[in-house]
N, C-alpha and C. Protein backbone atom coordinates (compact mmCIF):
# COMPACT_ATOMS: atom_id res chain seq x y z
N MET A 1 148.52 118.86 188.03
CA MET A 1 148.08 117.56 187.56
C MET A 1 149.32 116.74 187.26
N ASN A 2 149.40 115.54 187.81
CA ASN A 2 150.59 114.72 187.56
C ASN A 2 150.51 114.05 186.19
N THR A 3 151.62 113.49 185.74
CA THR A 3 151.73 112.92 184.40
C THR A 3 150.77 111.75 184.22
N HIS A 4 150.63 110.95 185.25
CA HIS A 4 149.73 109.79 185.17
C HIS A 4 148.28 110.24 184.94
N SER A 5 147.84 111.26 185.67
CA SER A 5 146.48 111.78 185.51
C SER A 5 146.28 112.38 184.13
N LEU A 6 147.30 113.07 183.63
CA LEU A 6 147.21 113.68 182.31
C LEU A 6 147.08 112.61 181.22
N LYS A 7 147.84 111.54 181.35
CA LYS A 7 147.76 110.44 180.38
C LYS A 7 146.38 109.79 180.42
N LEU A 8 145.87 109.59 181.61
CA LEU A 8 144.54 109.00 181.76
C LEU A 8 143.47 109.90 181.14
N LEU A 9 143.58 111.20 181.36
CA LEU A 9 142.64 112.16 180.78
C LEU A 9 142.69 112.11 179.26
N LEU A 10 143.90 112.07 178.70
CA LEU A 10 144.05 112.00 177.24
C LEU A 10 143.46 110.71 176.68
N ILE A 11 143.65 109.61 177.36
CA ILE A 11 143.08 108.34 176.91
C ILE A 11 141.56 108.40 176.94
N LEU A 12 141.01 108.94 178.01
CA LEU A 12 139.55 109.05 178.11
C LEU A 12 139.00 109.96 177.02
N LEU A 13 139.66 111.08 176.77
CA LEU A 13 139.20 111.97 175.70
C LEU A 13 139.28 111.30 174.34
N THR A 14 140.32 110.53 174.11
CA THR A 14 140.48 109.84 172.83
C THR A 14 139.38 108.80 172.65
N ILE A 15 139.03 108.13 173.72
CA ILE A 15 137.98 107.11 173.64
C ILE A 15 136.61 107.76 173.44
N THR A 16 136.35 108.85 174.14
CA THR A 16 135.03 109.49 174.10
C THR A 16 134.80 110.29 172.83
N PHE A 17 135.80 111.00 172.36
CA PHE A 17 135.60 111.90 171.23
C PHE A 17 135.13 111.19 169.96
N PRO A 18 135.74 110.07 169.56
CA PRO A 18 135.26 109.43 168.33
C PRO A 18 133.80 109.01 168.40
N SER A 19 133.32 108.57 169.56
CA SER A 19 131.91 108.17 169.64
C SER A 19 131.01 109.39 169.50
N THR A 20 131.42 110.53 170.05
CA THR A 20 130.64 111.74 169.88
C THR A 20 130.63 112.14 168.41
N GLN A 21 131.78 112.05 167.76
CA GLN A 21 131.86 112.37 166.33
C GLN A 21 130.97 111.41 165.55
N CYS A 22 130.98 110.14 165.92
CA CYS A 22 130.14 109.15 165.24
C CYS A 22 128.67 109.49 165.43
N ASP A 23 128.28 109.86 166.67
CA ASP A 23 126.90 110.22 166.93
C ASP A 23 126.49 111.44 166.11
N ASP A 24 127.38 112.43 166.05
CA ASP A 24 127.10 113.63 165.25
C ASP A 24 126.97 113.28 163.78
N ASP A 25 127.83 112.38 163.31
CA ASP A 25 127.76 111.95 161.91
C ASP A 25 126.44 111.23 161.64
N LEU A 26 126.02 110.38 162.56
CA LEU A 26 124.75 109.66 162.40
C LEU A 26 123.59 110.65 162.36
N VAL A 27 123.59 111.60 163.28
CA VAL A 27 122.52 112.60 163.31
C VAL A 27 122.49 113.36 161.98
N ASP A 28 123.65 113.75 161.50
CA ASP A 28 123.72 114.49 160.24
C ASP A 28 123.20 113.64 159.08
N GLN A 29 123.64 112.39 159.02
CA GLN A 29 123.19 111.49 157.94
C GLN A 29 121.68 111.29 157.98
N ILE A 30 121.14 111.07 159.15
CA ILE A 30 119.71 110.82 159.29
C ILE A 30 118.93 112.10 158.96
N CYS A 31 119.36 113.23 159.49
CA CYS A 31 118.63 114.48 159.27
C CYS A 31 118.60 114.88 157.80
N LYS A 32 119.62 114.50 157.05
CA LYS A 32 119.62 114.79 155.61
C LYS A 32 118.52 114.02 154.88
N LYS A 33 117.99 112.98 155.51
CA LYS A 33 116.93 112.18 154.90
C LYS A 33 115.54 112.61 155.36
N THR A 34 115.47 113.73 156.06
CA THR A 34 114.18 114.23 156.56
C THR A 34 113.81 115.51 155.82
N PRO A 35 112.53 115.89 155.86
CA PRO A 35 112.10 117.09 155.15
C PRO A 35 112.50 118.42 155.82
N PHE A 36 112.88 118.38 157.08
CA PHE A 36 113.24 119.60 157.81
C PHE A 36 114.57 119.39 158.52
N TYR A 37 115.64 119.51 157.74
CA TYR A 37 116.99 119.24 158.23
C TYR A 37 117.31 120.06 159.49
N ASP A 38 117.09 121.36 159.46
CA ASP A 38 117.46 122.22 160.59
C ASP A 38 116.69 121.87 161.86
N LEU A 39 115.40 121.60 161.72
CA LEU A 39 114.60 121.19 162.87
C LEU A 39 115.10 119.86 163.41
N CYS A 40 115.41 118.95 162.53
CA CYS A 40 115.93 117.64 162.93
C CYS A 40 117.24 117.80 163.70
N ILE A 41 118.17 118.55 163.13
CA ILE A 41 119.48 118.75 163.76
C ILE A 41 119.33 119.40 165.13
N SER A 42 118.55 120.47 165.21
CA SER A 42 118.42 121.18 166.49
C SER A 42 117.75 120.30 167.55
N THR A 43 116.81 119.49 167.13
CA THR A 43 116.12 118.61 168.09
C THR A 43 117.04 117.49 168.56
N LEU A 44 117.69 116.84 167.64
CA LEU A 44 118.49 115.66 168.00
C LEU A 44 119.81 116.02 168.66
N LYS A 45 120.40 117.14 168.30
CA LYS A 45 121.67 117.51 168.93
C LYS A 45 121.46 118.07 170.33
N SER A 46 120.24 118.50 170.64
CA SER A 46 119.98 119.00 171.99
C SER A 46 119.65 117.86 172.95
N ASN A 47 119.55 116.65 172.44
CA ASN A 47 119.24 115.49 173.27
C ASN A 47 120.19 114.36 172.91
N SER A 48 121.03 113.98 173.83
CA SER A 48 122.07 112.99 173.54
C SER A 48 121.62 111.55 173.77
N ASN A 49 120.33 111.31 173.95
CA ASN A 49 119.86 109.95 174.21
C ASN A 49 119.85 109.07 172.97
N GLY A 50 119.83 109.65 171.79
CA GLY A 50 119.76 108.85 170.57
C GLY A 50 121.13 108.39 170.13
N LYS A 51 121.43 107.12 170.32
CA LYS A 51 122.73 106.56 169.95
C LYS A 51 122.66 105.78 168.65
N ASP A 52 121.46 105.47 168.20
CA ASP A 52 121.27 104.75 166.94
C ASP A 52 119.98 105.28 166.30
N VAL A 53 119.62 104.75 165.14
CA VAL A 53 118.46 105.28 164.42
C VAL A 53 117.19 105.12 165.26
N LYS A 54 117.04 104.00 165.91
CA LYS A 54 115.87 103.78 166.76
C LYS A 54 115.83 104.80 167.90
N GLY A 55 116.97 105.08 168.49
CA GLY A 55 117.05 106.08 169.56
C GLY A 55 116.71 107.47 169.06
N LEU A 56 117.16 107.79 167.85
CA LEU A 56 116.85 109.10 167.28
C LEU A 56 115.36 109.24 167.01
N ALA A 57 114.74 108.17 166.53
CA ALA A 57 113.29 108.19 166.32
C ALA A 57 112.57 108.39 167.65
N SER A 58 113.06 107.76 168.69
CA SER A 58 112.46 107.91 170.02
C SER A 58 112.60 109.33 170.54
N VAL A 59 113.76 109.95 170.31
CA VAL A 59 113.96 111.33 170.73
C VAL A 59 112.94 112.23 170.02
N MET A 60 112.73 112.01 168.73
CA MET A 60 111.76 112.84 168.00
C MET A 60 110.35 112.62 168.55
N ALA A 61 109.99 111.37 168.81
CA ALA A 61 108.65 111.09 169.34
C ALA A 61 108.48 111.70 170.73
N ASP A 62 109.52 111.61 171.56
CA ASP A 62 109.47 112.24 172.89
C ASP A 62 109.32 113.76 172.78
N THR A 63 110.01 114.34 171.81
CA THR A 63 109.92 115.79 171.59
C THR A 63 108.51 116.16 171.14
N MET A 64 107.94 115.33 170.28
CA MET A 64 106.55 115.56 169.86
C MET A 64 105.61 115.53 171.06
N LEU A 65 105.77 114.52 171.91
CA LEU A 65 104.90 114.40 173.08
C LEU A 65 105.06 115.62 173.99
N SER A 66 106.27 116.05 174.21
CA SER A 66 106.50 117.23 175.04
C SER A 66 105.82 118.46 174.45
N ASN A 67 105.97 118.64 173.14
CA ASN A 67 105.35 119.79 172.48
C ASN A 67 103.82 119.69 172.47
N ALA A 68 103.30 118.50 172.24
CA ALA A 68 101.85 118.31 172.24
C ALA A 68 101.27 118.56 173.64
N THR A 69 101.98 118.10 174.66
CA THR A 69 101.55 118.33 176.04
C THR A 69 101.54 119.82 176.36
N ASP A 70 102.60 120.51 175.96
CA ASP A 70 102.66 121.97 176.16
C ASP A 70 101.54 122.67 175.40
N THR A 71 101.26 122.18 174.19
CA THR A 71 100.20 122.79 173.38
C THR A 71 98.84 122.60 174.04
N LEU A 72 98.58 121.42 174.56
CA LEU A 72 97.32 121.17 175.25
C LEU A 72 97.19 122.09 176.47
N SER A 73 98.25 122.26 177.22
CA SER A 73 98.22 123.18 178.37
C SER A 73 97.96 124.61 177.91
N TYR A 74 98.58 124.99 176.82
CA TYR A 74 98.36 126.32 176.25
C TYR A 74 96.90 126.51 175.85
N ILE A 75 96.34 125.51 175.19
CA ILE A 75 94.94 125.58 174.75
C ILE A 75 94.01 125.74 175.95
N ARG A 76 94.26 124.94 176.98
CA ARG A 76 93.42 125.02 178.18
C ARG A 76 93.50 126.39 178.83
N ALA A 77 94.70 126.97 178.87
CA ALA A 77 94.86 128.30 179.44
C ALA A 77 94.12 129.35 178.60
N GLU A 78 94.18 129.21 177.29
CA GLU A 78 93.50 130.15 176.41
C GLU A 78 91.98 130.03 176.52
N ILE A 79 91.48 128.83 176.73
CA ILE A 79 90.04 128.63 176.94
C ILE A 79 89.58 129.45 178.15
N ASN A 80 90.36 129.40 179.21
CA ASN A 80 90.01 130.13 180.43
C ASN A 80 90.18 131.64 180.29
N ARG A 81 91.02 132.06 179.36
CA ARG A 81 91.34 133.46 179.20
C ARG A 81 90.40 134.20 178.25
N THR A 82 89.93 133.53 177.22
CA THR A 82 89.20 134.24 176.16
C THR A 82 87.76 134.56 176.56
N PRO A 83 87.32 135.77 176.24
CA PRO A 83 85.91 136.12 176.47
C PRO A 83 85.04 135.82 175.23
N ASP A 84 85.68 135.46 174.12
CA ASP A 84 84.98 135.27 172.85
C ASP A 84 84.47 133.82 172.73
N PRO A 85 83.14 133.64 172.68
CA PRO A 85 82.58 132.27 172.62
C PRO A 85 83.01 131.50 171.36
N LYS A 86 83.16 132.19 170.26
CA LYS A 86 83.57 131.51 169.02
C LYS A 86 85.01 130.96 169.16
N ILE A 87 85.88 131.75 169.71
CA ILE A 87 87.26 131.31 169.95
C ILE A 87 87.29 130.21 170.99
N GLU A 88 86.47 130.34 172.01
CA GLU A 88 86.41 129.31 173.05
C GLU A 88 85.97 127.97 172.46
N ARG A 89 84.99 127.97 171.55
CA ARG A 89 84.54 126.73 170.91
C ARG A 89 85.66 126.12 170.06
N ALA A 90 86.35 126.95 169.31
CA ALA A 90 87.46 126.46 168.48
C ALA A 90 88.56 125.85 169.36
N LEU A 91 88.86 126.52 170.45
CA LEU A 91 89.88 126.01 171.37
C LEU A 91 89.44 124.70 172.03
N ALA A 92 88.17 124.62 172.40
CA ALA A 92 87.66 123.39 173.01
C ALA A 92 87.75 122.23 172.02
N TYR A 93 87.46 122.51 170.77
CA TYR A 93 87.58 121.49 169.72
C TYR A 93 89.04 121.02 169.62
N CYS A 94 89.96 121.97 169.63
CA CYS A 94 91.39 121.62 169.55
C CYS A 94 91.83 120.82 170.78
N ALA A 95 91.33 121.19 171.94
CA ALA A 95 91.68 120.43 173.15
C ALA A 95 91.22 118.99 173.02
N GLU A 96 90.01 118.80 172.50
CA GLU A 96 89.49 117.44 172.31
C GLU A 96 90.35 116.64 171.32
N LEU A 97 90.98 117.32 170.38
CA LEU A 97 91.87 116.66 169.43
C LEU A 97 93.21 116.31 170.08
N TYR A 98 93.71 117.20 170.91
CA TYR A 98 95.03 116.99 171.51
C TYR A 98 95.02 116.01 172.68
N ILE A 99 93.90 115.86 173.37
CA ILE A 99 93.85 114.96 174.52
C ILE A 99 94.27 113.53 174.15
N PRO A 100 93.68 112.91 173.11
CA PRO A 100 94.13 111.55 172.78
C PRO A 100 95.57 111.49 172.25
N VAL A 101 96.02 112.57 171.64
CA VAL A 101 97.41 112.61 171.17
C VAL A 101 98.36 112.49 172.36
N VAL A 102 98.08 113.27 173.42
CA VAL A 102 98.93 113.31 174.60
C VAL A 102 98.77 112.06 175.47
N LYS A 103 97.54 111.56 175.57
CA LYS A 103 97.29 110.43 176.47
C LYS A 103 97.53 109.07 175.81
N TYR A 104 97.31 108.97 174.50
CA TYR A 104 97.34 107.66 173.86
C TYR A 104 98.27 107.58 172.64
N ASN A 105 98.02 108.39 171.62
CA ASN A 105 98.74 108.24 170.35
C ASN A 105 100.26 108.27 170.52
N LEU A 106 100.76 109.33 171.08
CA LEU A 106 102.22 109.46 171.18
C LEU A 106 102.83 108.54 172.24
N PRO A 107 102.23 108.39 173.43
CA PRO A 107 102.81 107.42 174.36
C PRO A 107 102.84 105.99 173.78
N GLN A 108 101.79 105.62 173.04
CA GLN A 108 101.78 104.29 172.42
C GLN A 108 102.81 104.20 171.30
N ALA A 109 103.01 105.28 170.56
CA ALA A 109 104.03 105.31 169.51
C ALA A 109 105.43 105.16 170.12
N ILE A 110 105.67 105.84 171.22
CA ILE A 110 106.96 105.75 171.91
C ILE A 110 107.19 104.33 172.40
N ASP A 111 106.17 103.74 172.98
CA ASP A 111 106.26 102.35 173.45
C ASP A 111 106.51 101.40 172.28
N ALA A 112 105.82 101.62 171.17
CA ALA A 112 106.00 100.76 169.99
C ALA A 112 107.42 100.88 169.45
N LEU A 113 107.97 102.07 169.45
CA LEU A 113 109.36 102.23 169.01
C LEU A 113 110.30 101.41 169.88
N SER A 114 110.09 101.44 171.17
CA SER A 114 110.98 100.70 172.08
C SER A 114 110.87 99.20 171.87
N LYS A 115 109.72 98.74 171.37
CA LYS A 115 109.51 97.31 171.13
C LYS A 115 109.81 96.90 169.69
N GLY A 116 110.23 97.86 168.88
CA GLY A 116 110.54 97.55 167.48
C GLY A 116 109.32 97.42 166.59
N GLN A 117 108.18 97.90 167.06
CA GLN A 117 106.94 97.86 166.27
C GLN A 117 106.82 99.18 165.50
N PHE A 118 107.63 99.29 164.46
CA PHE A 118 107.81 100.57 163.79
C PHE A 118 106.58 101.03 162.99
N GLU A 119 105.84 100.11 162.41
CA GLU A 119 104.63 100.50 161.67
C GLU A 119 103.59 101.08 162.62
N PHE A 120 103.42 100.44 163.77
CA PHE A 120 102.47 100.95 164.76
C PHE A 120 102.92 102.32 165.26
N ALA A 121 104.23 102.48 165.47
CA ALA A 121 104.77 103.77 165.90
C ALA A 121 104.48 104.84 164.85
N ALA A 122 104.69 104.49 163.59
CA ALA A 122 104.43 105.45 162.50
C ALA A 122 102.97 105.87 162.48
N ASP A 123 102.07 104.94 162.74
CA ASP A 123 100.64 105.26 162.77
C ASP A 123 100.33 106.28 163.88
N GLY A 124 100.88 106.08 165.06
CA GLY A 124 100.64 107.00 166.18
C GLY A 124 101.20 108.39 165.92
N ILE A 125 102.38 108.43 165.33
CA ILE A 125 103.01 109.71 165.00
C ILE A 125 102.20 110.43 163.93
N SER A 126 101.77 109.68 162.93
CA SER A 126 100.96 110.25 161.85
C SER A 126 99.62 110.76 162.38
N ASP A 127 99.01 110.01 163.28
CA ASP A 127 97.74 110.44 163.88
C ASP A 127 97.90 111.77 164.62
N ALA A 128 99.01 111.94 165.30
CA ALA A 128 99.25 113.20 166.02
C ALA A 128 99.29 114.38 165.04
N ALA A 129 99.95 114.18 163.92
CA ALA A 129 100.02 115.25 162.90
C ALA A 129 98.63 115.55 162.34
N LYS A 130 97.85 114.51 162.12
CA LYS A 130 96.49 114.71 161.58
C LYS A 130 95.63 115.51 162.55
N GLU A 131 95.76 115.24 163.83
CA GLU A 131 94.98 115.98 164.82
C GLU A 131 95.42 117.44 164.89
N ALA A 132 96.73 117.68 164.80
CA ALA A 132 97.22 119.06 164.76
C ALA A 132 96.69 119.78 163.52
N ASP A 133 96.65 119.07 162.39
CA ASP A 133 96.11 119.66 161.16
C ASP A 133 94.63 119.97 161.29
N SER A 134 93.89 119.09 161.94
CA SER A 134 92.46 119.33 162.15
C SER A 134 92.23 120.55 163.04
N CYS A 135 93.03 120.68 164.06
CA CYS A 135 92.95 121.87 164.92
C CYS A 135 93.26 123.11 164.08
N GLU A 136 94.29 123.00 163.26
CA GLU A 136 94.70 124.15 162.43
C GLU A 136 93.56 124.61 161.52
N LYS A 137 92.85 123.66 160.93
CA LYS A 137 91.72 124.02 160.06
C LYS A 137 90.62 124.74 160.84
N MET A 138 90.44 124.34 162.08
CA MET A 138 89.40 124.93 162.91
C MET A 138 89.73 126.36 163.33
N ILE A 139 91.01 126.69 163.44
CA ILE A 139 91.38 128.01 163.97
C ILE A 139 91.97 128.95 162.91
N SER A 140 92.09 128.51 161.69
CA SER A 140 92.80 129.29 160.67
C SER A 140 92.17 130.67 160.40
N TRP A 141 90.94 130.85 160.75
CA TRP A 141 90.23 132.12 160.51
C TRP A 141 90.64 133.21 161.51
N SER A 142 91.27 132.82 162.62
CA SER A 142 91.49 133.77 163.70
C SER A 142 92.95 134.19 163.83
N GLN A 143 93.20 135.48 163.72
CA GLN A 143 94.55 136.02 163.97
C GLN A 143 94.91 135.91 165.46
N GLU A 144 93.90 135.93 166.31
CA GLU A 144 94.15 135.84 167.75
C GLU A 144 94.75 134.50 168.14
N LEU A 145 94.59 133.51 167.28
CA LEU A 145 95.09 132.17 167.59
C LEU A 145 96.36 131.83 166.81
N ALA A 146 97.09 132.84 166.39
CA ALA A 146 98.31 132.64 165.60
C ALA A 146 99.36 131.83 166.38
N ALA A 147 99.45 132.04 167.68
CA ALA A 147 100.42 131.27 168.47
C ALA A 147 100.07 129.78 168.48
N LEU A 148 98.78 129.47 168.55
CA LEU A 148 98.36 128.07 168.48
C LEU A 148 98.63 127.51 167.08
N SER A 149 98.42 128.32 166.09
CA SER A 149 98.72 127.91 164.72
C SER A 149 100.19 127.53 164.57
N ASP A 150 101.07 128.34 165.15
CA ASP A 150 102.50 128.03 165.11
C ASP A 150 102.80 126.71 165.81
N ARG A 151 102.12 126.46 166.91
CA ARG A 151 102.32 125.21 167.65
C ARG A 151 101.85 124.01 166.81
N ASN A 152 100.70 124.16 166.16
CA ASN A 152 100.19 123.08 165.30
C ASN A 152 101.18 122.77 164.18
N LYS A 153 101.71 123.81 163.58
CA LYS A 153 102.66 123.62 162.48
C LYS A 153 103.94 122.96 162.96
N LEU A 154 104.37 123.30 164.17
CA LEU A 154 105.57 122.66 164.73
C LEU A 154 105.32 121.16 164.96
N ILE A 155 104.17 120.83 165.52
CA ILE A 155 103.83 119.41 165.74
C ILE A 155 103.85 118.68 164.40
N HIS A 156 103.26 119.29 163.39
CA HIS A 156 103.23 118.65 162.07
C HIS A 156 104.65 118.47 161.53
N SER A 157 105.49 119.47 161.64
CA SER A 157 106.86 119.38 161.15
C SER A 157 107.67 118.33 161.93
N LEU A 158 107.51 118.31 163.25
CA LEU A 158 108.18 117.28 164.05
C LEU A 158 107.73 115.89 163.63
N SER A 159 106.45 115.77 163.33
CA SER A 159 105.91 114.50 162.87
C SER A 159 106.54 114.08 161.54
N ASP A 160 106.67 115.02 160.62
CA ASP A 160 107.30 114.71 159.34
C ASP A 160 108.72 114.21 159.52
N VAL A 161 109.46 114.84 160.43
CA VAL A 161 110.83 114.40 160.71
C VAL A 161 110.82 113.02 161.35
N ALA A 162 109.98 112.84 162.36
CA ALA A 162 109.91 111.55 163.05
C ALA A 162 109.52 110.42 162.09
N LEU A 163 108.54 110.68 161.23
CA LEU A 163 108.12 109.66 160.26
C LEU A 163 109.23 109.32 159.27
N ALA A 164 109.98 110.30 158.86
CA ALA A 164 111.10 110.03 157.94
C ALA A 164 112.13 109.12 158.61
N ILE A 165 112.36 109.32 159.89
CA ILE A 165 113.32 108.48 160.62
C ILE A 165 112.74 107.08 160.82
N VAL A 166 111.46 106.99 161.16
CA VAL A 166 110.84 105.67 161.32
C VAL A 166 110.85 104.90 160.00
N LYS A 167 110.65 105.59 158.90
CA LYS A 167 110.68 104.92 157.59
C LYS A 167 112.05 104.31 157.31
N ILE A 168 113.11 104.93 157.81
CA ILE A 168 114.44 104.34 157.69
C ILE A 168 114.48 103.02 158.44
N LEU A 169 113.84 102.98 159.59
CA LEU A 169 113.79 101.75 160.39
C LEU A 169 112.96 100.66 159.71
N LEU A 170 112.00 101.06 158.91
CA LEU A 170 111.12 100.09 158.24
C LEU A 170 111.79 99.42 157.03
N LYS A 171 112.89 99.98 156.58
CA LYS A 171 113.57 99.43 155.39
C LYS A 171 114.32 98.17 155.72
């Protein structure tokens, strides 16, 4: 590597590193204001799209949508797998709760965040948590549905983190 290339590389590293440090500092500051610091940190540091508070809120909402979509797919697979009619009814109820979350609530919340409509975004995020909680109440009697229970709790926790970040935007 010639001297000119080395100097250019050092300049680029100097320019890039402080912004990464700044982003990490922002993530740390924001996550300290949420109820689940570790979940917040692991979610936001694994996705570099959030460059400001609004972007971090969007990353959390996108993560919620991804998890809710995966949960709905999981529920549908379990409906087809279970021979137990009582479990099948509980799963069908949960699917009916998750469908609007995946198709409407969270996509609309994500869109509202991008438009700066933070109260509307908070409503959609909160609705997703409520639906996960309703599913949880329906399945809490069954040990066979423990994996779904874990998914519901994750959606609720992600929602708590996302709402805490959106509340920062509302100030």
